[in-house]
Amino acid sequence: MIHEAKNLLNELPTDLAEEQFTTLCEADGLRIERIVSRGQTSPPGFWYDQDRSEWVVVLQGEALIEFDDGQTVRLRPGSHLEIPAHQKHRVAWTDPNGPTVWLAVHFAADAARRGQ
């Protein structure tokens, strides 16, 4: 087996009609993905309501997450956020001038409690 390091900031798409989701690893209720956005937002009135919890970190660019209670959280490079399962949220804004690169980890809702 050849071991090769990869870089999450390489090979970024330059023209995105939609966000790009790339699964990096998936096993036993855990999914890790790279998301690349460039000005994309959630459709008006759309809310994510996921069965699994999600931890996201912005590696490059900026984004604004909106929750159904009206709270917004701005994410800049290095900012990270845990979103509990069934916490309704949406992407309200991503930087239209360059790629926003996210790392998202989706995991079973009870896994967060075990890790505390």
PDB file of N, CA and C in Angstrom:
ATOM      1  N   MET A   1       0.839  -1.187   0.000  1.00  0.00           N
ATOM      2  CA  MET A   1       0.000   0.000   0.000  1.00  0.00           C
ATOM      3  C   MET A   1       0.880   1.246   0.000  1.00  0.00           C
ATOM      4  N   ILE A   2       0.551   2.190  -0.857  1.00  0.00           N
ATOM      5  CA  ILE A   2       1.281   3.452  -0.915  1.00  0.00           C
ATOM      6  C   ILE A   2       0.492   4.493  -0.132  1.00  0.00           C
ATOM      7  N   HIS A   3       1.155   5.149   0.803  1.00  0.00           N
ATOM      8  CA  HIS A   3       0.527   6.205   1.590  1.00  0.00           C
ATOM      9  C   HIS A   3       0.841   7.537   0.938  1.00  0.00           C
ATOM     10  N   GLU A   4      -0.197   8.305   0.727  1.00  0.00           N
ATOM     11  CA  GLU A   4      -0.021   9.593   0.056  1.00  0.00           C
ATOM     12  C   GLU A   4      -0.879  10.646   0.752  1.00  0.00           C
ATOM     13  N   ALA A   5      -0.246  11.729   1.169  1.00  0.00           N
ATOM     14  CA  ALA A   5      -0.983  12.832   1.786  1.00  0.00           C
ATOM     15  C   ALA A   5      -1.707  13.613   0.698  1.00  0.00           C
ATOM     16  N   LYS A   6      -2.905  14.057   1.018  1.00  0.00           N
ATOM     17  CA  LYS A   6      -3.675  14.899   0.106  1.00  0.00           C
ATOM     18  C   LYS A   6      -3.944  16.223   0.808  1.00  0.00           C
ATOM     19  N   ASN A   7      -4.255  17.244   0.027  1.00  0.00           N
ATOM     20  CA  ASN A   7      -4.484  18.567   0.579  1.00  0.00           C
ATOM     21  C   ASN A   7      -5.912  19.000   0.255  1.00  0.00           C
ATOM     22  N   LEU A   8      -6.687  19.344   1.283  1.00  0.00           N
ATOM     23  CA  LEU A   8      -8.078  19.738   1.102  1.00  0.00           C
ATOM     24  C   LEU A   8      -8.243  21.041   0.318  1.00  0.00           C
ATOM     25  N   LEU A   9      -7.166  21.803   0.203  1.00  0.00           N
ATOM     26  CA  LEU A   9      -7.243  23.088  -0.494  1.00  0.00           C
ATOM     27  C   LEU A   9      -6.733  23.002  -1.938  1.00  0.00           C
ATOM     28  N   ASN A  10      -6.345  21.819  -2.369  1.00  0.00           N
ATOM     29  CA  ASN A  10      -5.916  21.623  -3.752  1.00  0.00           C
ATOM     30  C   ASN A  10      -7.098  21.211  -4.616  1.00  0.00           C
ATOM     31  N   GLU A  11      -6.942  21.432  -5.903  1.00  0.00           N
ATOM     32  CA  GLU A  11      -7.927  21.011  -6.893  1.00  0.00           C
ATOM     33  C   GLU A  11      -9.326  21.558  -6.596  1.00  0.00           C
ATOM     34  N   LEU A  12      -9.380  22.842  -6.259  1.00  0.00           N
ATOM     35  CA  LEU A  12     -10.663  23.488  -6.009  1.00  0.00           C
ATOM     36  C   LEU A  12     -11.307  23.860  -7.341  1.00  0.00           C
ATOM     37  N   PRO A  13     -12.595  23.592  -7.477  1.00  0.00           N
ATOM     38  CA  PRO A  13     -13.267  23.967  -8.725  1.00  0.00           C
ATOM     39  C   PRO A  13     -13.331  25.487  -8.857  1.00  0.00           C
ATOM     40  N   THR A  14     -13.234  25.975 -10.088  1.00  0.00           N
ATOM     41  CA  THR A  14     -13.257  27.421 -10.310  1.00  0.00           C
ATOM     42  C   THR A  14     -14.636  27.920 -10.713  1.00  0.00           C
ATOM     43  N   ASP A  15     -15.451  27.056 -11.286  1.00  0.00           N
ATOM     44  CA  ASP A  15     -16.785  27.441 -11.728  1.00  0.00           C
ATOM     45  C   ASP A  15     -17.793  26.506 -11.087  1.00  0.00           C
ATOM     46  N   LEU A  16     -18.548  27.022 -10.139  1.00  0.00           N
ATOM     47  CA  LEU A  16     -19.497  26.195  -9.397  1.00  0.00           C
ATOM     48  C   LEU A  16     -20.923  26.679  -9.610  1.00  0.00           C
ATOM     49  N   ALA A  17     -21.730  25.887 -10.280  1.00  0.00           N
ATOM     50  CA  ALA A  17     -23.155  26.204 -10.382  1.00  0.00           C
ATOM     51  C   ALA A  17     -23.855  25.821  -9.075  1.00  0.00           C
ATOM     52  N   GLU A  18     -23.331  24.774  -8.404  1.00  0.00           N
ATOM     53  CA  GLU A  18     -23.857  24.306  -7.115  1.00  0.00           C
ATOM     54  C   GLU A  18     -22.678  24.001  -6.203  1.00  0.00           C
ATOM     55  N   GLU A  19     -22.954  23.913  -4.908  1.00  0.00           N
ATOM     56  CA  GLU A  19     -21.907  23.503  -3.981  1.00  0.00           C
ATOM     57  C   GLU A  19     -21.394  22.127  -4.384  1.00  0.00           C
ATOM     58  N   GLN A  20     -20.115  21.897  -4.125  1.00  0.00           N
ATOM     59  CA  GLN A  20     -19.521  20.594  -4.414  1.00  0.00           C
ATOM     60  C   GLN A  20     -19.307  19.849  -3.097  1.00  0.00           C
ATOM     61  N   PHE A  21     -19.870  18.649  -2.992  1.00  0.00           N
ATOM     62  CA  PHE A  21     -19.730  17.789  -1.818  1.00  0.00           C
ATOM     63  C   PHE A  21     -18.876  16.591  -2.214  1.00  0.00           C
ATOM     64  N   THR A  22     -17.776  16.370  -1.493  1.00  0.00           N
ATOM     65  CA  THR A  22     -16.895  15.233  -1.753  1.00  0.00           C
ATOM     66  C   THR A  22     -16.734  14.438  -0.467  1.00  0.00           C
ATOM     67  N   THR A  23     -17.193  13.192  -0.461  1.00  0.00           N
ATOM     68  CA  THR A  23     -17.023  12.333   0.710  1.00  0.00           C
ATOM     69  C   THR A  23     -15.576  11.877   0.773  1.00  0.00           C
ATOM     70  N   LEU A  24     -14.934  12.135   1.915  1.00  0.00           N
ATOM     71  CA  LEU A  24     -13.536  11.768   2.113  1.00  0.00           C
ATOM     72  C   LEU A  24     -13.396  10.446   2.845  1.00  0.00           C
ATOM     73  N   CYS A  25     -14.352  10.169   3.738  1.00  0.00           N
ATOM     74  CA  CYS A  25     -14.296   8.969   4.563  1.00  0.00           C
ATOM     75  C   CYS A  25     -15.709   8.689   5.065  1.00  0.00           C
ATOM     76  N   GLU A  26     -16.073   7.410   5.086  1.00  0.00           N
ATOM     77  CA  GLU A  26     -17.393   7.044   5.606  1.00  0.00           C
ATOM     78  C   GLU A  26     -17.302   5.652   6.216  1.00  0.00           C
ATOM     79  N   ALA A  27     -17.753   5.536   7.477  1.00  0.00           N
ATOM     80  CA  ALA A  27     -17.746   4.249   8.169  1.00  0.00           C
ATOM     81  C   ALA A  27     -18.559   4.332   9.451  1.00  0.00           C
ATOM     82  N   ASP A  28     -19.315   3.289   9.741  1.00  0.00           N
ATOM     83  CA  ASP A  28     -20.019   3.139  11.024  1.00  0.00           C
ATOM     84  C   ASP A  28     -20.709   4.409  11.513  1.00  0.00           C
ATOM     85  N   GLY A  29     -21.574   4.995  10.698  1.00  0.00           N
ATOM     86  CA  GLY A  29     -22.341   6.159  11.121  1.00  0.00           C
ATOM     87  C   GLY A  29     -21.565   7.465  11.122  1.00  0.00           C
ATOM     88  N   LEU A  30     -20.375   7.454  10.558  1.00  0.00           N
ATOM     89  CA  LEU A  30     -19.535   8.652  10.486  1.00  0.00           C
ATOM     90  C   LEU A  30     -19.284   8.968   9.018  1.00  0.00           C
ATOM     91  N   ARG A  31     -19.455  10.236   8.650  1.00  0.00           N
ATOM     92  CA  ARG A  31     -19.122  10.672   7.298  1.00  0.00           C
ATOM     93  C   ARG A  31     -18.341  11.979   7.388  1.00  0.00           C
ATOM     94  N   ILE A  32     -17.223  12.032   6.697  1.00  0.00           N
ATOM     95  CA  ILE A  32     -16.409  13.245   6.629  1.00  0.00           C
ATOM     96  C   ILE A  32     -16.414  13.690   5.179  1.00  0.00           C
ATOM     97  N   GLU A  33     -16.736  14.964   4.968  1.00  0.00           N
ATOM     98  CA  GLU A  33     -16.788  15.458   3.601  1.00  0.00           C
ATOM     99  C   GLU A  33     -16.172  16.841   3.486  1.00  0.00           C
ATOM    100  N   ARG A  34     -15.682  17.108   2.286  1.00  0.00           N
ATOM    101  CA  ARG A  34     -15.229  18.455   1.935  1.00  0.00           C
ATOM    102  C   ARG A  34     -16.356  19.088   1.138  1.00  0.00           C
ATOM    103  N   ILE A  35     -16.697  20.315   1.498  1.00  0.00           N
ATOM    104  CA  ILE A  35     -17.712  21.078   0.779  1.00  0.00           C
ATOM    105  C   ILE A  35     -17.028  22.331   0.242  1.00  0.00           C
ATOM    106  N   VAL A  36     -17.284  22.624  -1.023  1.00  0.00           N
ATOM    107  CA  VAL A  36     -16.751  23.849  -1.623  1.00  0.00           C
ATOM    108  C   VAL A  36     -17.937  24.675  -2.090  1.00  0.00           C
ATOM    109  N   SER A  37     -17.995  25.914  -1.632  1.00  0.00           N
ATOM    110  CA  SER A  37     -19.057  26.856  -1.998  1.00  0.00           C
ATOM    111  C   SER A  37     -18.427  28.085  -2.627  1.00  0.00           C
ATOM    112  N   ARG A  38     -19.189  28.737  -3.477  1.00  0.00           N
ATOM    113  CA  ARG A  38     -18.745  30.028  -4.029  1.00  0.00           C
ATOM    114  C   ARG A  38     -20.003  30.848  -4.277  1.00  0.00           C
ATOM    115  N   GLY A  39     -20.487  31.481  -3.209  1.00  0.00           N
ATOM    116  CA  GLY A  39     -21.677  32.315  -3.315  1.00  0.00           C
ATOM    117  C   GLY A  39     -22.991  31.556  -3.160  1.00  0.00           C
ATOM    118  N   GLN A  40     -22.934  30.228  -3.043  1.00  0.00           N
ATOM    119  CA  GLN A  40     -24.180  29.467  -2.901  1.00  0.00           C
ATOM    120  C   GLN A  40     -24.785  29.653  -1.514  1.00  0.00           C
ATOM    121  N   THR A  41     -26.106  29.577  -1.473  1.00  0.00           N
ATOM    122  CA  THR A  41     -26.860  29.620  -0.226  1.00  0.00           C
ATOM    123  C   THR A  41     -27.943  28.553  -0.294  1.00  0.00           C
ATOM    124  N   SER A  42     -28.546  28.267   0.847  1.00  0.00           N
ATOM    125  CA  SER A  42     -29.701  27.375   0.853  1.00  0.00           C
ATOM    126  C   SER A  42     -30.856  28.087   0.164  1.00  0.00           C
ATOM    127  N   PRO A  43     -31.709  27.346  -0.536  1.00  0.00           N
ATOM    128  CA  PRO A  43     -32.861  27.981  -1.190  1.00  0.00           C
ATOM    129  C   PRO A  43     -33.750  28.697  -0.170  1.00  0.00           C
ATOM    130  N   PRO A  44     -34.437  29.761  -0.569  1.00  0.00           N
ATOM    131  CA  PRO A  44     -35.334  30.476   0.346  1.00  0.00           C
ATOM    132  C   PRO A  44     -36.348  29.500   0.970  1.00  0.00           C
ATOM    133  N   GLY A  45     -36.498  29.606   2.282  1.00  0.00           N
ATOM    134  CA  GLY A  45     -37.458  28.766   2.996  1.00  0.00           C
ATOM    135  C   GLY A  45     -36.985  27.356   3.278  1.00  0.00           C
ATOM    136  N   PHE A  46     -35.783  26.969   2.792  1.00  0.00           N
ATOM    137  CA  PHE A  46     -35.255  25.621   3.016  1.00  0.00           C
ATOM    138  C   PHE A  46     -34.471  25.584   4.317  1.00  0.00           C
ATOM    139  N   TRP A  47     -34.691  24.523   5.111  1.00  0.00           N
ATOM    140  CA  TRP A  47     -33.955  24.310   6.360  1.00  0.00           C
ATOM    141  C   TRP A  47     -33.427  22.881   6.379  1.00  0.00           C
ATOM    142  N   TYR A  48     -32.130  22.722   6.678  1.00  0.00           N
ATOM    143  CA  TYR A  48     -31.596  21.387   6.928  1.00  0.00           C
ATOM    144  C   TYR A  48     -32.186  20.914   8.255  1.00  0.00           C
ATOM    145  N   ASP A  49     -32.625  19.663   8.301  1.00  0.00           N
ATOM    146  CA  ASP A  49     -33.124  19.021   9.522  1.00  0.00           C
ATOM    147  C   ASP A  49     -32.579  17.598   9.483  1.00  0.00           C
ATOM    148  N   GLN A  50     -31.341  17.440   9.934  1.00  0.00           N
ATOM    149  CA  GLN A  50     -30.581  16.209   9.757  1.00  0.00           C
ATOM    150  C   GLN A  50     -30.745  15.251  10.917  1.00  0.00           C
ATOM    151  N   ASP A  51     -30.726  13.963  10.602  1.00  0.00           N
ATOM    152  CA  ASP A  51     -30.825  12.921  11.630  1.00  0.00           C
ATOM    153  C   ASP A  51     -29.538  12.772  12.426  1.00  0.00           C
ATOM    154  N   ARG A  52     -28.426  13.221  11.864  1.00  0.00           N
ATOM    155  CA  ARG A  52     -27.137  13.115  12.550  1.00  0.00           C
ATOM    156  C   ARG A  52     -26.635  14.505  12.931  1.00  0.00           C
ATOM    157  N   SER A  53     -25.811  14.557  13.962  1.00  0.00           N
ATOM    158  CA  SER A  53     -25.152  15.807  14.332  1.00  0.00           C
ATOM    159  C   SER A  53     -24.077  16.105  13.298  1.00  0.00           C
ATOM    160  N   GLU A  54     -23.691  17.375  13.239  1.00  0.00           N
ATOM    161  CA  GLU A  54     -22.677  17.786  12.268  1.00  0.00           C
ATOM    162  C   GLU A  54     -21.717  18.765  12.931  1.00  0.00           C
ATOM    163  N   TRP A  55     -20.447  18.542  12.696  1.00  0.00           N
ATOM    164  CA  TRP A  55     -19.405  19.484  13.121  1.00  0.00           C
ATOM    165  C   TRP A  55     -18.776  20.009  11.848  1.00  0.00           C
ATOM    166  N   VAL A  56     -18.714  21.338  11.711  1.00  0.00           N
ATOM    167  CA  VAL A  56     -18.128  21.944  10.519  1.00  0.00           C
ATOM    168  C   VAL A  56     -17.022  22.914  10.916  1.00  0.00           C
ATOM    169  N   VAL A  57     -16.027  23.001  10.051  1.00  0.00           N
ATOM    170  CA  VAL A  57     -14.961  23.992  10.192  1.00  0.00           C
ATOM    171  C   VAL A  57     -14.743  24.596   8.810  1.00  0.00           C
ATOM    172  N   VAL A  58     -14.579  25.907   8.770  1.00  0.00           N
ATOM    173  CA  VAL A  58     -14.246  26.584   7.517  1.00  0.00           C
ATOM    174  C   VAL A  58     -12.729  26.674   7.441  1.00  0.00           C
ATOM    175  N   LEU A  59     -12.187  26.139   6.354  1.00  0.00           N
ATOM    176  CA  LEU A  59     -10.742  26.148   6.150  1.00  0.00           C
ATOM    177  C   LEU A  59     -10.289  27.349   5.334  1.00  0.00           C
ATOM    178  N   GLN A  60     -11.183  27.836   4.480  1.00  0.00           N
ATOM    179  CA  GLN A  60     -10.880  28.972   3.596  1.00  0.00           C
ATOM    180  C   GLN A  60     -12.192  29.655   3.248  1.00  0.00           C
ATOM    181  N   GLY A  61     -12.164  30.963   3.106  1.00  0.00           N
ATOM    182  CA  GLY A  61     -13.370  31.704   2.754  1.00  0.00           C
ATOM    183  C   GLY A  61     -14.187  32.074   3.984  1.00  0.00           C
ATOM    184  N   GLU A  62     -15.457  32.389   3.749  1.00  0.00           N
ATOM    185  CA  GLU A  62     -16.365  32.767   4.837  1.00  0.00           C
ATOM    186  C   GLU A  62     -17.763  32.280   4.527  1.00  0.00           C
ATOM    187  N   ALA A  63     -18.538  32.091   5.600  1.00  0.00           N
ATOM    188  CA  ALA A  63     -19.928  31.650   5.452  1.00  0.00           C
ATOM    189  C   ALA A  63     -20.747  32.170   6.628  1.00  0.00           C
ATOM    190  N   LEU A  64     -22.043  32.188   6.432  1.00  0.00           N
ATOM    191  CA  LEU A  64     -22.977  32.585   7.481  1.00  0.00           C
ATOM    192  C   LEU A  64     -24.029  31.489   7.597  1.00  0.00           C
ATOM    193  N   ILE A  65     -24.136  30.901   8.786  1.00  0.00           N
ATOM    194  CA  ILE A  65     -25.139  29.878   9.074  1.00  0.00           C
ATOM    195  C   ILE A  65     -26.266  30.544   9.842  1.00  0.00           C
ATOM    196  N   GLU A  66     -27.501  30.271   9.439  1.00  0.00           N
ATOM    197  CA  GLU A  66     -28.685  30.810  10.104  1.00  0.00           C
ATOM    198  C   GLU A  66     -29.462  29.660  10.727  1.00  0.00           C
ATOM    199  N   PHE A  67     -29.925  29.864  11.946  1.00  0.00           N
ATOM    200  CA  PHE A  67     -30.738  28.873  12.645  1.00  0.00           C
ATOM    201  C   PHE A  67     -32.187  29.327  12.652  1.00  0.00           C
ATOM    202  N   ASP A  68     -33.100  28.377  12.828  1.00  0.00           N
ATOM    203  CA  ASP A  68     -34.529  28.703  12.738  1.00  0.00           C
ATOM    204  C   ASP A  68     -35.015  29.594  13.870  1.00  0.00           C
ATOM    205  N   ASP A  69     -34.185  29.814  14.901  1.00  0.00           N
ATOM    206  CA  ASP A  69     -34.558  30.743  15.966  1.00  0.00           C
ATOM    207  C   ASP A  69     -34.109  32.176  15.650  1.00  0.00           C
ATOM    208  N   GLY A  70     -33.515  32.366  14.438  1.00  0.00           N
ATOM    209  CA  GLY A  70     -33.074  33.691  14.021  1.00  0.00           C
ATOM    210  C   GLY A  70     -31.602  33.979  14.277  1.00  0.00           C
ATOM    211  N   GLN A  71     -30.940  33.155  15.078  1.00  0.00           N
ATOM    212  CA  GLN A  71     -29.524  33.370  15.362  1.00  0.00           C
ATOM    213  C   GLN A  71     -28.701  33.069  14.111  1.00  0.00           C
ATOM    214  N   THR A  72     -27.650  33.863  13.887  1.00  0.00           N
ATOM    215  CA  THR A  72     -26.709  33.606  12.806  1.00  0.00           C
ATOM    216  C   THR A  72     -25.303  33.475  13.381  1.00  0.00           C
ATOM    217  N   VAL A  73     -24.498  32.659  12.715  1.00  0.00           N
ATOM    218  CA  VAL A  73     -23.108  32.454  13.121  1.00  0.00           C
ATOM    219  C   VAL A  73     -22.229  32.624  11.885  1.00  0.00           C
ATOM    220  N   ARG A  74     -21.287  33.566  11.961  1.00  0.00           N
ATOM    221  CA  ARG A  74     -20.342  33.786  10.859  1.00  0.00           C
ATOM    222  C   ARG A  74     -19.137  32.887  11.089  1.00  0.00           C
ATOM    223  N   LEU A  75     -18.757  32.183  10.039  1.00  0.00           N
ATOM    224  CA  LEU A  75     -17.602  31.301  10.088  1.00  0.00           C
ATOM    225  C   LEU A  75     -16.522  31.842   9.166  1.00  0.00           C
ATOM    226  N   ARG A  76     -15.328  31.986   9.709  1.00  0.00           N
ATOM    227  CA  ARG A  76     -14.147  32.436   8.967  1.00  0.00           C
ATOM    228  C   ARG A  76     -13.105  31.326   9.056  1.00  0.00           C
ATOM    229  N   PRO A  77     -11.991  31.417   8.352  1.00  0.00           N
ATOM    230  CA  PRO A  77     -11.002  30.345   8.430  1.00  0.00           C
ATOM    231  C   PRO A  77     -10.639  29.997   9.874  1.00  0.00           C
ATOM    232  N   GLY A  78     -10.779  28.721  10.194  1.00  0.00           N
ATOM    233  CA  GLY A  78     -10.499  28.222  11.540  1.00  0.00           C
ATOM    234  C   GLY A  78     -11.721  28.162  12.438  1.00  0.00           C
ATOM    235  N   SER A  79     -12.804  28.852  12.074  1.00  0.00           N
ATOM    236  CA  SER A  79     -14.023  28.817  12.890  1.00  0.00           C
ATOM    237  C   SER A  79     -14.702  27.464  12.725  1.00  0.00           C
ATOM    238  N   HIS A  80     -15.171  26.918  13.846  1.00  0.00           N
ATOM    239  CA  HIS A  80     -15.882  25.646  13.773  1.00  0.00           C
ATOM    240  C   HIS A  80     -17.125  25.699  14.632  1.00  0.00           C
ATOM    241  N   LEU A  81     -18.051  24.801  14.345  1.00  0.00           N
ATOM    242  CA  LEU A  81     -19.374  24.838  14.956  1.00  0.00           C
ATOM    243  C   LEU A  81     -19.950  23.433  14.989  1.00  0.00           C
ATOM    244  N   GLU A  82     -20.550  23.052  16.114  1.00  0.00           N
ATOM    245  CA  GLU A  82     -21.288  21.792  16.191  1.00  0.00           C
ATOM    246  C   GLU A  82     -22.774  22.104  16.067  1.00  0.00           C
ATOM    247  N   ILE A  83     -23.436  21.372  15.185  1.00  0.00           N
ATOM    248  CA  ILE A  83     -24.868  21.536  14.966  1.00  0.00           C
ATOM    249  C   ILE A  83     -25.536  20.233  15.382  1.00  0.00           C
ATOM    250  N   PRO A  84     -26.293  20.244  16.487  1.00  0.00           N
ATOM    251  CA  PRO A  84     -26.930  19.004  16.952  1.00  0.00           C
ATOM    252  C   PRO A  84     -27.935  18.468  15.930  1.00  0.00           C
ATOM    253  N   ALA A  85     -28.161  17.173  15.976  1.00  0.00           N
ATOM    254  CA  ALA A  85     -29.164  16.547  15.114  1.00  0.00           C
ATOM    255  C   ALA A  85     -30.498  17.266  15.284  1.00  0.00           C
ATOM    256  N   HIS A  86     -31.202  17.449  14.196  1.00  0.00           N
ATOM    257  CA  HIS A  86     -32.530  18.071  14.126  1.00  0.00           C
ATOM    258  C   HIS A  86     -32.550  19.555  14.501  1.00  0.00           C
ATOM    259  N   GLN A  87     -31.378  20.187  14.616  1.00  0.00           N
ATOM    260  CA  GLN A  87     -31.329  21.638  14.789  1.00  0.00           C
ATOM    261  C   GLN A  87     -31.470  22.244  13.397  1.00  0.00           C
ATOM    262  N   LYS A  88     -32.606  22.850  13.130  1.00  0.00           N
ATOM    263  CA  LYS A  88     -32.847  23.400  11.797  1.00  0.00           C
ATOM    264  C   LYS A  88     -31.901  24.563  11.530  1.00  0.00           C
ATOM    265  N   HIS A  89     -31.257  24.494  10.361  1.00  0.00           N
ATOM    266  CA  HIS A  89     -30.284  25.516   9.979  1.00  0.00           C
ATOM    267  C   HIS A  89     -30.215  25.588   8.461  1.00  0.00           C
ATOM    268  N   ARG A  90     -29.600  26.667   7.994  1.00  0.00           N
ATOM    269  CA  ARG A  90     -29.429  26.864   6.554  1.00  0.00           C
ATOM    270  C   ARG A  90     -28.163  27.670   6.318  1.00  0.00           C
ATOM    271  N   VAL A  91     -27.656  27.592   5.104  1.00  0.00           N
ATOM    272  CA  VAL A  91     -26.518  28.420   4.718  1.00  0.00           C
ATOM    273  C   VAL A  91     -27.099  29.720   4.172  1.00  0.00           C
ATOM    274  N   ALA A  92     -26.913  30.797   4.920  1.00  0.00           N
ATOM    275  CA  ALA A  92     -27.487  32.091   4.546  1.00  0.00           C
ATOM    276  C   ALA A  92     -26.594  32.857   3.571  1.00  0.00           C
ATOM    277  N   TRP A  93     -25.275  32.573   3.579  1.00  0.00           N
ATOM    278  CA  TRP A  93     -24.346  33.319   2.728  1.00  0.00           C
ATOM    279  C   TRP A  93     -23.029  32.577   2.663  1.00  0.00           C
ATOM    280  N   THR A  94     -22.413  32.555   1.498  1.00  0.00           N
ATOM    281  CA  THR A  94     -21.013  32.168   1.345  1.00  0.00           C
ATOM    282  C   THR A  94     -20.351  33.206   0.442  1.00  0.00           C
ATOM    283  N   ASP A  95     -19.072  33.357   0.600  1.00  0.00           N
ATOM    284  CA  ASP A  95     -18.311  34.373  -0.129  1.00  0.00           C
ATOM    285  C   ASP A  95     -18.434  34.168  -1.642  1.00  0.00           C
ATOM    286  N   PRO A  96     -18.976  35.143  -2.363  1.00  0.00           N
ATOM    287  CA  PRO A  96     -19.104  34.997  -3.814  1.00  0.00           C
ATOM    288  C   PRO A  96     -17.800  35.288  -4.567  1.00  0.00           C
ATOM    289  N   ASN A  97     -16.815  35.841  -3.877  1.00  0.00           N
ATOM    290  CA  ASN A  97     -15.571  36.265  -4.531  1.00  0.00           C
ATOM    291  C   ASN A  97     -14.470  35.212  -4.536  1.00  0.00           C
ATOM    292  N   GLY A  98     -14.703  34.100  -3.884  1.00  0.00           N
ATOM    293  CA  GLY A  98     -13.692  33.048  -3.831  1.00  0.00           C
ATOM    294  C   GLY A  98     -14.285  31.816  -3.175  1.00  0.00           C
ATOM    295  N   PRO A  99     -13.580  30.702  -3.254  1.00  0.00           N
ATOM    296  CA  PRO A  99     -14.124  29.471  -2.692  1.00  0.00           C
ATOM    297  C   PRO A  99     -14.146  29.491  -1.165  1.00  0.00           C
ATOM    298  N   THR A 100     -15.241  28.995  -0.620  1.00  0.00           N
ATOM    299  CA  THR A 100     -15.318  28.699   0.806  1.00  0.00           C
ATOM    300  C   THR A 100     -15.183  27.185   0.915  1.00  0.00           C
ATOM    301  N   VAL A 101     -14.167  26.744   1.646  1.00  0.00           N
ATOM    302  CA  VAL A 101     -13.891  25.321   1.789  1.00  0.00           C
ATOM    303  C   VAL A 101     -14.226  24.917   3.216  1.00  0.00           C
ATOM    304  N   TRP A 102     -15.136  23.959   3.321  1.00  0.00           N
ATOM    305  CA  TRP A 102     -15.603  23.451   4.609  1.00  0.00           C
ATOM    306  C   TRP A 102     -15.105  22.019   4.794  1.00  0.00           C
ATOM    307  N   LEU A 103     -14.898  21.631   6.019  1.00  0.00           N
ATOM    308  CA  LEU A 103     -14.744  20.226   6.371  1.00  0.00           C
ATOM    309  C   LEU A 103     -15.929  19.922   7.279  1.00  0.00           C
ATOM    310  N   ALA A 104     -16.742  18.940   6.901  1.00  0.00           N
ATOM    311  CA  ALA A 104     -17.937  18.592   7.672  1.00  0.00           C
ATOM    312  C   ALA A 104     -17.827  17.153   8.155  1.00  0.00           C
ATOM    313  N   VAL A 105     -18.120  16.967   9.425  1.00  0.00           N
ATOM    314  CA  VAL A 105     -18.126  15.631  10.025  1.00  0.00           C
ATOM    315  C   VAL A 105     -19.537  15.368  10.521  1.00  0.00           C
ATOM    316  N   HIS A 106     -20.166  14.341   9.952  1.00  0.00           N
ATOM    317  CA  HIS A 106     -21.522  13.941  10.340  1.00  0.00           C
ATOM    318  C   HIS A 106     -21.398  12.699  11.213  1.00  0.00           C
ATOM    319  N   PHE A 107     -22.096  12.697  12.355  1.00  0.00           N
ATOM    320  CA  PHE A 107     -21.951  11.583  13.290  1.00  0.00           C
ATOM    321  C   PHE A 107     -23.256  11.354  14.037  1.00  0.00           C
ATOM    322  N   ALA A 108     -23.386  10.167  14.622  1.00  0.00           N
ATOM    323  CA  ALA A 108     -24.590   9.825  15.378  1.00  0.00           C
ATOM    324  C   ALA A 108     -24.800  10.823  16.491  1.00  0.00           C
ATOM    325  N   ALA A 109     -26.037  11.194  16.711  1.00  0.00           N
ATOM    326  CA  ALA A 109     -26.365  12.230  17.693  1.00  0.00           C
ATOM    327  C   ALA A 109     -25.830  11.894  19.082  1.00  0.00           C
ATOM    328  N   ASP A 110     -25.838  10.628  19.476  1.00  0.00           N
ATOM    329  CA  ASP A 110     -25.376  10.276  20.819  1.00  0.00           C
ATOM    330  C   ASP A 110     -23.854  10.212  20.908  1.00  0.00           C
ATOM    331  N   ALA A 111     -23.145  10.206  19.805  1.00  0.00           N
ATOM    332  CA  ALA A 111     -21.681  10.150  19.828  1.00  0.00           C
ATOM    333  C   ALA A 111     -21.092  11.401  20.468  1.00  0.00           C
ATOM    334  N   ALA A 112     -21.741  12.533  20.304  1.00  0.00           N
ATOM    335  CA  ALA A 112     -21.241  13.782  20.889  1.00  0.00           C
ATOM    336  C   ALA A 112     -21.269  13.703  22.406  1.00  0.00           C
ATOM    337  N   ARG A 113     -22.286  13.094  22.943  1.00  0.00           N
ATOM    338  CA  ARG A 113     -22.402  12.986  24.403  1.00  0.00           C
ATOM    339  C   ARG A 113     -21.364  12.020  24.955  1.00  0.00           C
ATOM    340  N   ARG A 114     -21.057  10.942  24.230  1.00  0.00           N
ATOM    341  CA  ARG A 114     -20.058   9.975  24.686  1.00  0.00           C
ATOM    342  C   ARG A 114     -18.674  10.596  24.722  1.00  0.00           C
ATOM    343  N   GLY A 115     -18.425  11.568  23.820  1.00  0.00           N
ATOM    344  CA  GLY A 115     -17.105  12.171  23.733  1.00  0.00           C
ATOM    345  C   GLY A 115     -16.863  13.247  24.779  1.00  0.00           C
ATOM    346  N   GLN A 116     -17.857  13.599  25.556  1.00  0.00           N
ATOM    347  CA  GLN A 116     -17.690  14.682  26.553  1.00  0.00           C
ATOM    348  C   GLN A 116     -17.139  14.144  27.852  1.00  0.00           C
TER     349      GLN A 116
END
